[in-house]
Amino acid sequence: MHRFRTPLGWALAAYWIALVVGTHLPPREVPSGGGHWDKLQHFLAYAGLAALLAAWLAMRHAPRRRVFLWAFAIVAAFGVLDELTQPAFGRSCEFLDLVADWIGAAAGTFAVAVGMRWWERVEG
């Protein structure tokens, strides 16, 4: 499984860069979905980021709870930074977007933790 560590690291970096760019485009450049669709986009984007980060960290370190807590904490903190910097680019900073980011981060981290636990049982 460690042979995937480098490609996973590249995928994580590319995803993170795309997320930063996508969340900081001026509003006229972003298709308007609004409402629940916007929150779903936040949820999915941060679930993906957290899943990639959790998997990458777990491959670098023994997959213990602490690794997954760190993955969640890093992505949750990034969500705060992401929301706070958006007004400088003409975007809005919304608390409910941040909540969707955090829930997505928790879901992505949890999915990887459960998946790795299952994988260890199958392999083990």
C-alpha atoms as a PDB file:
ATOM      1  CA  MET A   1       0.000   0.000   0.000  1.00  0.00           C
ATOM      2  CA  HIS A   2       2.952   2.340   0.581  1.00  0.00           C
ATOM      3  CA  ARG A   3       3.654   2.385  -3.159  1.00  0.00           C
ATOM      4  CA  PHE A   4       0.642   4.719  -3.446  1.00  0.00           C
ATOM      5  CA  ARG A   5       2.093   7.276  -1.037  1.00  0.00           C
ATOM      6  CA  THR A   6       3.845   9.441  -3.662  1.00  0.00           C
ATOM      7  CA  PRO A   7       0.996   9.504  -6.212  1.00  0.00           C
ATOM      8  CA  LEU A   8      -1.418  10.183  -3.364  1.00  0.00           C
ATOM      9  CA  GLY A   9       0.759  13.091  -2.232  1.00  0.00           C
ATOM     10  CA  TRP A  10       0.671  14.572  -5.734  1.00  0.00           C
ATOM     11  CA  ALA A  11      -3.099  14.099  -5.930  1.00  0.00           C
ATOM     12  CA  LEU A  12      -3.486  15.781  -2.534  1.00  0.00           C
ATOM     13  CA  ALA A  13      -1.364  18.756  -3.611  1.00  0.00           C
ATOM     14  CA  ALA A  14      -3.236  19.170  -6.901  1.00  0.00           C
ATOM     15  CA  TYR A  15      -6.623  18.875  -5.193  1.00  0.00           C
ATOM     16  CA  TRP A  16      -5.683  21.387  -2.506  1.00  0.00           C
ATOM     17  CA  ILE A  17      -4.437  23.902  -5.080  1.00  0.00           C
ATOM     18  CA  ALA A  18      -7.597  23.456  -7.163  1.00  0.00           C
ATOM     19  CA  LEU A  19      -9.714  23.981  -4.047  1.00  0.00           C
ATOM     20  CA  VAL A  20      -7.904  27.203  -3.141  1.00  0.00           C
ATOM     21  CA  VAL A  21      -8.239  28.538  -6.671  1.00  0.00           C
ATOM     22  CA  GLY A  22     -11.883  27.472  -6.942  1.00  0.00           C
ATOM     23  CA  THR A  23     -12.897  29.066  -3.661  1.00  0.00           C
ATOM     24  CA  HIS A  24     -11.155  32.338  -4.442  1.00  0.00           C
ATOM     25  CA  LEU A  25     -12.376  32.988  -7.983  1.00  0.00           C
ATOM     26  CA  PRO A  26     -14.381  36.182  -8.233  1.00  0.00           C
ATOM     27  CA  PRO A  27     -18.136  35.501  -7.963  1.00  0.00           C
ATOM     28  CA  ARG A  28     -18.801  36.319 -11.619  1.00  0.00           C
ATOM     29  CA  GLU A  29     -16.484  33.437 -12.606  1.00  0.00           C
ATOM     30  CA  VAL A  30     -18.355  30.860 -10.518  1.00  0.00           C
ATOM     31  CA  PRO A  31     -21.636  29.289 -11.655  1.00  0.00           C
ATOM     32  CA  SER A  32     -24.364  30.287  -9.233  1.00  0.00           C
ATOM     33  CA  GLY A  33     -26.133  27.368  -7.628  1.00  0.00           C
ATOM     34  CA  GLY A  34     -26.779  28.953  -4.247  1.00  0.00           C
ATOM     35  CA  GLY A  35     -28.734  27.491  -1.360  1.00  0.00           C
ATOM     36  CA  HIS A  36     -28.416  23.811  -0.593  1.00  0.00           C
ATOM     37  CA  TRP A  37     -26.359  23.109  -3.723  1.00  0.00           C
ATOM     38  CA  ASP A  38     -23.655  25.481  -2.436  1.00  0.00           C
ATOM     39  CA  LYS A  39     -23.524  23.703   0.922  1.00  0.00           C
ATOM     40  CA  LEU A  40     -23.341  20.314  -0.809  1.00  0.00           C
ATOM     41  CA  GLN A  41     -20.401  21.581  -2.868  1.00  0.00           C
ATOM     42  CA  HIS A  42     -18.634  22.686   0.317  1.00  0.00           C
ATOM     43  CA  PHE A  43     -19.352  19.329   1.967  1.00  0.00           C
ATOM     44  CA  LEU A  44     -18.063  17.302  -0.990  1.00  0.00           C
ATOM     45  CA  ALA A  45     -14.989  19.469  -1.565  1.00  0.00           C
ATOM     46  CA  TYR A  46     -13.872  19.227   2.051  1.00  0.00           C
ATOM     47  CA  ALA A  47     -14.750  15.542   2.325  1.00  0.00           C
ATOM     48  CA  GLY A  48     -12.446  14.928  -0.627  1.00  0.00           C
ATOM     49  CA  LEU A  49      -9.651  17.037   0.824  1.00  0.00           C
ATOM     50  CA  ALA A  50      -9.912  15.368   4.228  1.00  0.00           C
ATOM     51  CA  ALA A  51     -10.018  11.888   2.698  1.00  0.00           C
ATOM     52  CA  LEU A  52      -6.894  12.529   0.645  1.00  0.00           C
ATOM     53  CA  LEU A  53      -5.040  14.076   3.580  1.00  0.00           C
ATOM     54  CA  ALA A  54      -6.099  11.341   6.017  1.00  0.00           C
ATOM     55  CA  ALA A  55      -5.038   8.592   3.605  1.00  0.00           C
ATOM     56  CA  TRP A  56      -1.714  10.292   2.876  1.00  0.00           C
ATOM     57  CA  LEU A  57      -0.961  10.838   6.577  1.00  0.00           C
ATOM     58  CA  ALA A  58      -2.003   7.284   7.447  1.00  0.00           C
ATOM     59  CA  MET A  59       0.411   5.929   4.832  1.00  0.00           C
ATOM     60  CA  ARG A  60       3.216   8.047   6.263  1.00  0.00           C
ATOM     61  CA  HIS A  61       2.457   7.117   9.882  1.00  0.00           C
ATOM     62  CA  ALA A  62       0.806   4.211  11.591  1.00  0.00           C
ATOM     63  CA  PRO A  63      -2.941   4.676  11.127  1.00  0.00           C
ATOM     64  CA  ARG A  64      -3.872   5.544  14.670  1.00  0.00           C
ATOM     65  CA  ARG A  65      -6.698   7.775  15.830  1.00  0.00           C
ATOM     66  CA  ARG A  66      -4.263  10.621  16.304  1.00  0.00           C
ATOM     67  CA  VAL A  67      -3.457  10.642  12.564  1.00  0.00           C
ATOM     68  CA  PHE A  68      -7.129  10.980  11.682  1.00  0.00           C
ATOM     69  CA  LEU A  69      -7.689  13.656  14.309  1.00  0.00           C
ATOM     70  CA  TRP A  70      -4.785  15.618  12.849  1.00  0.00           C
ATOM     71  CA  ALA A  71      -6.197  15.260   9.338  1.00  0.00           C
ATOM     72  CA  PHE A  72      -9.561  16.566  10.500  1.00  0.00           C
ATOM     73  CA  ALA A  73      -7.980  19.414  12.496  1.00  0.00           C
ATOM     74  CA  ILE A  74      -5.806  20.543   9.570  1.00  0.00           C
ATOM     75  CA  VAL A  75      -8.712  20.540   7.108  1.00  0.00           C
ATOM     76  CA  ALA A  76     -11.058  22.220   9.612  1.00  0.00           C
ATOM     77  CA  ALA A  77      -8.492  24.962  10.267  1.00  0.00           C
ATOM     78  CA  PHE A  78      -7.955  25.375   6.535  1.00  0.00           C
ATOM     79  CA  GLY A  79     -11.736  25.808   6.152  1.00  0.00           C
ATOM     80  CA  VAL A  80     -11.623  28.737   8.560  1.00  0.00           C
ATOM     81  CA  LEU A  81      -8.699  30.312   6.714  1.00  0.00           C
ATOM     82  CA  ASP A  82     -10.404  29.694   3.373  1.00  0.00           C
ATOM     83  CA  GLU A  83     -13.641  31.381   4.445  1.00  0.00           C
ATOM     84  CA  LEU A  84     -11.858  34.325   6.089  1.00  0.00           C
ATOM     85  CA  THR A  85      -9.770  35.098   2.995  1.00  0.00           C
ATOM     86  CA  GLN A  86     -12.616  34.943   0.468  1.00  0.00           C
ATOM     87  CA  PRO A  87     -13.902  38.524   1.047  1.00  0.00           C
ATOM     88  CA  ALA A  88     -10.598  39.848  -0.294  1.00  0.00           C
ATOM     89  CA  PHE A  89     -11.589  38.265  -3.621  1.00  0.00           C
ATOM     90  CA  GLY A  90     -15.163  39.559  -3.681  1.00  0.00           C
ATOM     91  CA  ARG A  91     -16.611  36.358  -2.239  1.00  0.00           C
ATOM     92  CA  SER A  92     -18.672  36.055   0.917  1.00  0.00           C
ATOM     93  CA  CYS A  93     -17.567  34.564   4.226  1.00  0.00           C
ATOM     94  CA  GLU A  94     -20.476  32.481   5.494  1.00  0.00           C
ATOM     95  CA  PHE A  95     -20.670  30.525   8.727  1.00  0.00           C
ATOM     96  CA  LEU A  96     -22.922  27.852   7.180  1.00  0.00           C
ATOM     97  CA  ASP A  97     -20.337  27.282   4.450  1.00  0.00           C
ATOM     98  CA  LEU A  98     -17.794  26.684   7.207  1.00  0.00           C
ATOM     99  CA  VAL A  99     -20.157  24.249   8.946  1.00  0.00           C
ATOM    100  CA  ALA A 100     -20.545  22.361   5.657  1.00  0.00           C
ATOM    101  CA  ASP A 101     -16.730  22.326   5.327  1.00  0.00           C
ATOM    102  CA  TRP A 102     -16.339  20.881   8.832  1.00  0.00           C
ATOM    103  CA  ILE A 103     -19.013  18.232   8.341  1.00  0.00           C
ATOM    104  CA  GLY A 104     -17.401  17.262   5.036  1.00  0.00           C
ATOM    105  CA  ALA A 105     -13.980  17.090   6.692  1.00  0.00           C
ATOM    106  CA  ALA A 106     -15.370  14.821   9.404  1.00  0.00           C
ATOM    107  CA  ALA A 107     -17.085  12.581   6.838  1.00  0.00           C
ATOM    108  CA  GLY A 108     -13.990  12.281   4.646  1.00  0.00           C
ATOM    109  CA  THR A 109     -11.722  11.520   7.572  1.00  0.00           C
ATOM    110  CA  PHE A 110     -14.173   9.003   9.013  1.00  0.00           C
ATOM    111  CA  ALA A 111     -14.553   7.250   5.659  1.00  0.00           C
ATOM    112  CA  VAL A 112     -10.802   6.760   5.346  1.00  0.00           C
ATOM    113  CA  ALA A 113     -10.470   5.601   8.957  1.00  0.00           C
ATOM    114  CA  VAL A 114     -13.210   2.996   8.459  1.00  0.00           C
ATOM    115  CA  GLY A 115     -11.808   1.986   5.070  1.00  0.00           C
ATOM    116  CA  MET A 116      -8.299   1.496   6.416  1.00  0.00           C
ATOM    117  CA  ARG A 117      -9.578  -0.490   9.364  1.00  0.00           C
ATOM    118  CA  TRP A 118     -11.482  -2.746   6.959  1.00  0.00           C
ATOM    119  CA  TRP A 119      -8.403  -3.063   4.722  1.00  0.00           C
ATOM    120  CA  GLU A 120      -6.224  -4.115   7.665  1.00  0.00           C
ATOM    121  CA  ARG A 121      -8.724  -6.848   8.584  1.00  0.00           C
ATOM    122  CA  VAL A 122      -8.858  -8.145   4.990  1.00  0.00           C
ATOM    123  CA  GLU A 123      -5.083  -8.111   4.600  1.00  0.00           C
ATOM    124  CA  GLY A 124      -4.274  -9.125   8.100  1.00  0.00           C
END
